[in-house]
N, C-alpha and C. Protein backbone atom coordinates (compact mmCIF):
# COMPACT_ATOMS: atom_id res chain seq x y z
N MET A 1 4.81 0.63 11.22
CA MET A 1 3.43 0.66 11.68
C MET A 1 2.91 -0.81 11.61
N ARG A 2 2.15 -1.17 12.62
CA ARG A 2 1.50 -2.45 12.64
C ARG A 2 0.11 -2.39 12.06
N MET A 3 -0.36 -3.53 11.63
CA MET A 3 -1.78 -3.61 11.15
C MET A 3 -2.66 -3.53 12.42
N LEU A 4 -3.69 -2.73 12.35
CA LEU A 4 -4.61 -2.54 13.47
C LEU A 4 -6.01 -2.86 13.00
N LEU A 5 -6.75 -3.49 13.85
CA LEU A 5 -8.20 -3.74 13.62
C LEU A 5 -8.96 -3.23 14.79
N ASN A 6 -10.18 -2.75 14.55
CA ASN A 6 -11.11 -2.42 15.63
C ASN A 6 -12.19 -3.47 15.67
N ALA A 7 -12.36 -4.07 16.83
CA ALA A 7 -13.46 -5.06 16.99
C ALA A 7 -14.52 -4.43 17.91
N THR A 8 -15.76 -4.56 17.47
CA THR A 8 -16.90 -4.12 18.29
C THR A 8 -17.68 -5.36 18.66
N PHE A 9 -17.94 -5.58 19.91
CA PHE A 9 -18.65 -6.73 20.39
C PHE A 9 -20.13 -6.45 20.55
N ASN A 10 -20.94 -7.45 20.55
CA ASN A 10 -22.41 -7.32 20.67
C ASN A 10 -22.83 -6.56 21.93
N ASP A 11 -22.04 -6.63 22.96
CA ASP A 11 -22.36 -5.95 24.23
C ASP A 11 -21.95 -4.49 24.21
N GLY A 12 -21.42 -3.99 23.05
CA GLY A 12 -21.04 -2.57 22.92
C GLY A 12 -19.57 -2.30 23.22
N ASN A 13 -18.86 -3.30 23.88
CA ASN A 13 -17.42 -3.07 24.11
C ASN A 13 -16.66 -3.05 22.79
N LYS A 14 -15.58 -2.26 22.79
CA LYS A 14 -14.72 -2.16 21.60
C LYS A 14 -13.28 -2.39 22.03
N ARG A 15 -12.55 -2.96 21.09
CA ARG A 15 -11.10 -3.18 21.32
C ARG A 15 -10.32 -2.99 20.10
N GLU A 16 -9.22 -2.26 20.22
CA GLU A 16 -8.26 -2.12 19.15
C GLU A 16 -7.27 -3.29 19.21
N LEU A 17 -7.11 -3.95 18.11
CA LEU A 17 -6.28 -5.18 18.12
C LEU A 17 -5.08 -4.92 17.23
N GLN A 18 -3.84 -5.20 17.80
CA GLN A 18 -2.63 -5.16 17.03
C GLN A 18 -2.37 -6.53 16.42
N ILE A 19 -2.32 -6.61 15.07
CA ILE A 19 -2.10 -7.84 14.37
C ILE A 19 -0.65 -8.09 14.23
N SER A 20 -0.20 -9.29 14.60
CA SER A 20 1.24 -9.62 14.56
C SER A 20 1.49 -10.46 13.33
N ALA A 21 2.78 -10.69 13.10
CA ALA A 21 3.15 -11.59 12.02
C ALA A 21 2.55 -13.01 12.21
N ALA A 22 2.57 -13.43 13.43
CA ALA A 22 1.95 -14.77 13.79
C ALA A 22 0.48 -14.83 13.41
N ASP A 23 -0.23 -13.74 13.62
CA ASP A 23 -1.67 -13.67 13.33
C ASP A 23 -1.84 -13.75 11.76
N ILE A 24 -1.02 -13.06 11.06
CA ILE A 24 -1.09 -13.05 9.57
C ILE A 24 -0.78 -14.42 9.04
N VAL A 25 0.27 -15.01 9.51
CA VAL A 25 0.63 -16.34 9.03
C VAL A 25 -0.44 -17.39 9.34
N ALA A 26 -1.05 -17.31 10.52
CA ALA A 26 -2.09 -18.25 10.87
C ALA A 26 -3.32 -18.06 9.95
N THR A 27 -3.65 -16.78 9.62
CA THR A 27 -4.72 -16.50 8.73
C THR A 27 -4.43 -16.99 7.32
N GLU A 28 -3.21 -16.71 6.84
CA GLU A 28 -2.83 -17.22 5.53
C GLU A 28 -2.90 -18.73 5.45
N ASP A 29 -2.44 -19.37 6.47
CA ASP A 29 -2.47 -20.86 6.51
C ASP A 29 -3.85 -21.41 6.57
N HIS A 30 -4.75 -20.75 7.37
CA HIS A 30 -6.08 -21.18 7.56
C HIS A 30 -6.86 -21.06 6.24
N PHE A 31 -6.73 -19.95 5.58
CA PHE A 31 -7.51 -19.70 4.33
C PHE A 31 -6.78 -20.06 3.04
N GLU A 32 -5.49 -20.41 3.19
CA GLU A 32 -4.58 -20.74 2.10
C GLU A 32 -4.58 -19.62 1.05
N ILE A 33 -4.38 -18.37 1.54
CA ILE A 33 -4.28 -17.22 0.67
C ILE A 33 -3.23 -16.27 1.26
N SER A 34 -2.74 -15.35 0.42
CA SER A 34 -1.80 -14.37 0.87
C SER A 34 -2.53 -13.22 1.59
N VAL A 35 -1.84 -12.54 2.46
CA VAL A 35 -2.43 -11.39 3.12
C VAL A 35 -2.85 -10.33 2.10
N ASP A 36 -2.18 -10.31 0.96
CA ASP A 36 -2.57 -9.37 -0.11
C ASP A 36 -3.90 -9.67 -0.70
N ASN A 37 -4.45 -10.86 -0.40
CA ASN A 37 -5.75 -11.27 -1.00
C ASN A 37 -6.89 -11.30 0.04
N LEU A 38 -6.68 -10.66 1.15
CA LEU A 38 -7.74 -10.64 2.16
C LEU A 38 -8.90 -9.78 1.63
N GLU A 39 -10.04 -10.42 1.39
CA GLU A 39 -11.19 -9.72 0.81
C GLU A 39 -12.47 -9.90 1.54
N ARG A 40 -12.56 -10.94 2.33
CA ARG A 40 -13.83 -11.27 2.97
C ARG A 40 -13.83 -10.84 4.42
N PHE A 41 -15.02 -10.59 4.94
CA PHE A 41 -15.22 -10.19 6.33
C PHE A 41 -14.69 -11.29 7.24
N SER A 42 -14.82 -12.57 6.82
CA SER A 42 -14.32 -13.67 7.65
C SER A 42 -12.79 -13.58 7.82
N HIS A 43 -12.10 -13.09 6.83
CA HIS A 43 -10.63 -12.93 6.90
C HIS A 43 -10.28 -11.92 8.00
N LEU A 44 -10.95 -10.82 8.08
CA LEU A 44 -10.73 -9.80 9.13
C LEU A 44 -11.06 -10.39 10.47
N CYS A 45 -12.20 -11.07 10.58
CA CYS A 45 -12.62 -11.66 11.83
C CYS A 45 -11.60 -12.68 12.29
N PHE A 46 -11.10 -13.52 11.42
CA PHE A 46 -10.09 -14.50 11.84
C PHE A 46 -8.85 -13.82 12.29
N LEU A 47 -8.39 -12.79 11.58
CA LEU A 47 -7.23 -12.04 12.10
C LEU A 47 -7.47 -11.48 13.52
N ALA A 48 -8.65 -10.93 13.68
CA ALA A 48 -8.99 -10.37 15.00
C ALA A 48 -9.00 -11.47 16.06
N TRP A 49 -9.61 -12.59 15.76
CA TRP A 49 -9.59 -13.67 16.74
C TRP A 49 -8.25 -14.19 17.02
N CYS A 50 -7.36 -14.27 16.00
CA CYS A 50 -6.01 -14.69 16.24
C CYS A 50 -5.32 -13.80 17.24
N SER A 51 -5.50 -12.50 17.07
CA SER A 51 -4.91 -11.51 17.96
C SER A 51 -5.47 -11.69 19.42
N ASP A 52 -6.82 -11.76 19.50
CA ASP A 52 -7.45 -11.91 20.77
C ASP A 52 -7.00 -13.22 21.48
N SER A 53 -6.85 -14.30 20.71
CA SER A 53 -6.40 -15.56 21.25
C SER A 53 -4.96 -15.49 21.68
N ARG A 54 -4.10 -14.93 20.83
CA ARG A 54 -2.66 -14.84 21.13
C ARG A 54 -2.38 -14.04 22.38
N THR A 55 -3.15 -12.95 22.60
CA THR A 55 -2.96 -12.11 23.73
C THR A 55 -3.81 -12.59 24.96
N LYS A 56 -4.47 -13.70 24.82
CA LYS A 56 -5.23 -14.31 25.90
C LYS A 56 -6.37 -13.43 26.35
N GLN A 57 -6.95 -12.72 25.41
CA GLN A 57 -8.21 -11.94 25.68
C GLN A 57 -9.44 -12.84 25.53
N THR A 58 -9.21 -14.01 24.90
CA THR A 58 -10.28 -14.98 24.77
C THR A 58 -9.70 -16.37 24.82
N GLY A 59 -10.51 -17.29 25.35
CA GLY A 59 -10.14 -18.70 25.32
C GLY A 59 -11.12 -19.47 24.42
N LYS A 60 -12.02 -18.69 23.73
CA LYS A 60 -13.02 -19.35 22.89
C LYS A 60 -12.40 -19.74 21.55
N ASP A 61 -12.98 -20.75 20.96
CA ASP A 61 -12.57 -21.11 19.58
C ASP A 61 -13.20 -20.03 18.69
N PHE A 62 -12.76 -20.02 17.42
CA PHE A 62 -13.15 -18.96 16.49
C PHE A 62 -14.66 -18.85 16.35
N LYS A 63 -15.37 -19.95 16.13
CA LYS A 63 -16.81 -19.91 15.92
C LYS A 63 -17.53 -19.39 17.15
N ASP A 64 -17.10 -19.78 18.29
CA ASP A 64 -17.78 -19.26 19.53
C ASP A 64 -17.45 -17.77 19.73
N TRP A 65 -16.20 -17.39 19.50
CA TRP A 65 -15.81 -16.03 19.65
C TRP A 65 -16.60 -15.11 18.70
N LEU A 66 -16.84 -15.61 17.48
CA LEU A 66 -17.54 -14.86 16.39
C LEU A 66 -19.03 -14.58 16.80
N LEU A 67 -19.58 -15.43 17.67
CA LEU A 67 -20.95 -15.14 18.13
C LEU A 67 -21.04 -13.87 18.97
N ASP A 68 -19.90 -13.45 19.50
CA ASP A 68 -19.87 -12.22 20.34
C ASP A 68 -19.59 -10.95 19.52
N ILE A 69 -19.28 -11.09 18.30
CA ILE A 69 -18.80 -9.98 17.45
C ILE A 69 -19.91 -9.29 16.69
N ASP A 70 -19.94 -7.94 16.76
CA ASP A 70 -20.83 -7.15 15.96
C ASP A 70 -20.12 -6.82 14.63
N THR A 71 -18.91 -6.27 14.71
CA THR A 71 -18.17 -5.88 13.51
C THR A 71 -16.67 -5.86 13.82
N VAL A 72 -15.91 -6.05 12.73
CA VAL A 72 -14.45 -5.88 12.75
C VAL A 72 -14.09 -5.00 11.57
N GLU A 73 -13.31 -3.95 11.81
CA GLU A 73 -12.95 -3.04 10.76
C GLU A 73 -11.42 -2.79 10.79
N ALA A 74 -10.84 -2.64 9.61
CA ALA A 74 -9.42 -2.30 9.53
C ALA A 74 -9.21 -0.81 9.88
N VAL A 75 -8.25 -0.56 10.71
CA VAL A 75 -7.86 0.82 11.04
C VAL A 75 -6.91 1.36 9.96
N ASN A 76 -6.08 0.46 9.46
CA ASN A 76 -5.20 0.80 8.38
C ASN A 76 -5.22 -0.33 7.35
N ASP A 77 -4.94 -0.04 6.10
CA ASP A 77 -4.98 -1.05 5.08
C ASP A 77 -3.75 -1.98 5.13
N PRO A 78 -3.99 -3.29 5.33
CA PRO A 78 -2.86 -4.23 5.42
C PRO A 78 -2.08 -4.31 4.17
N LYS A 79 -2.65 -3.85 3.06
CA LYS A 79 -1.96 -3.94 1.76
C LYS A 79 -1.09 -2.74 1.46
N GLU A 80 -1.15 -1.66 2.28
CA GLU A 80 -0.33 -0.49 2.06
C GLU A 80 1.11 -0.86 2.22
N PRO A 81 2.00 -0.39 1.36
CA PRO A 81 3.41 -0.71 1.50
C PRO A 81 4.05 -0.13 2.74
N THR A 82 3.42 0.82 3.36
CA THR A 82 3.99 1.46 4.56
C THR A 82 3.70 0.57 5.81
N THR A 83 2.83 -0.42 5.68
CA THR A 83 2.52 -1.27 6.84
C THR A 83 3.67 -2.22 7.05
N LYS A 84 4.23 -2.24 8.24
CA LYS A 84 5.33 -3.08 8.56
C LYS A 84 4.96 -3.88 9.83
N LEU A 85 5.38 -5.16 9.82
CA LEU A 85 5.11 -6.03 10.97
C LEU A 85 6.38 -6.16 11.74
């Protein structure tokens, strides 16, 4: 099972995002923390942006992309041992 996030944008559009190993590594490198220590909303948002950027759903940098976001929620817990990338 992959890590999934739901992103809701300010315009009401929603998107389910599949988080890849590359997204996790980029987030770990950016925040200098392990995926096991994701605790802040900004961590989930960055993961979501990495996915949107990797899949070419956005060309915006993180801060500009974030202006379009209402919420980002985990569909499944990335810390569960059953989550596989």
